[in-house]
Amino acid sequence: MIFTLFLLGLVYAIFVGVLFAAGAGAGLIVIFAVVLLLVQFFASDKIALATIGVKEVSPAEEPELHGIIERLCVQADLPKPKVGVIETSMPNACAMGRSRKATTVCATRGILELLSPAELEGVMAHELTHVINRDVMVMTLASFFATLASTIAQFALFFGGGYGSDEEGERDIMIVVFVSVLVYAVSFLLLRALSRYREFAADRGSAVLTGRPSALASALLKISGTIERVPTQDLRRAEGMSAFFIIPARAKKSLMNIFADHPPLEQRLAALERLEAQLQGTA
């Protein structure tokens, strides 16, 4: 994960250097980047929660879910987050928030009805590990320059012609567009790799926190098998938030794992099986 973040930082440093070299205004770049970063950092989680229809629930409404999260937070020495439920039959869970004190852990109605208490505990421990590792903040900051590159490319394509018709100006615009597209493409691949690494880390954190890797493995199998039967329209509504769910919400499986934001299920189950053997002292 550290190496992937280093590569992202290197790509972004080159990107900014090319923008300056192409004659882009330093002041304009800085102002635009700061505004975009603030919006993405402070508002992205709220927008995401509203998009997927999260409703905050009280302990009286969902006592079992609150009880599981409270026990895990005590074990992990973590402030108890807000607890939300998404009213959909799709079995899944996610955690949103830029810090440990401003986090919402969510479960869908489908996952609450599908899993046993031990399996649900494994899933919630996975989500709380994301909170412990500050994964949402890491992914938000890591994706910032990819968003910036995409916006600059679109801006240059649609409005670049208004800033001059000389050959040098057109060449500079094309350089900015080309580099922005290239940065976005490289960032896309690196962000997918980073996302897969954080899922492995969250699986491991869940196994250590609960002491039962097999419970999480069982939950992953159940969720994956049930998601395949969820109506396509329900999956498409949640597809934009797929990277934050414990199992990707997609109408179609990816043909190439390099573009996936989650590791293959088989690899996750194999890693949990190794952890189970280690914890039992048979490895």
Foldseek 3Di string as FASTA:
>chain_A
DVVLLVVLVVLLVVLVVLCVVLPPDPVVLVVVLVVLLVCLLPPVLVVLCVLQPWDFDDCVVPVLLQVLQVVLCVLVVAPRETETERADLQFWWFKGDQASHHIYTYTYPNNVVQADSLLVSLRSQLRVLCRVVSVNNVLSVSCSLLVVLVVLLVCLVPPQCVPDDDPSSVVSSVSSNVSSVVSNVVSLLSSLVVLAVSLLVSLVSSCVSSVCSVSNLVSVVRSVVVLQVGDQVSLVSCQVVQSRINHGSHPDDDPDSSNHSHHPSVVSSVSSVVVNCVSVVND
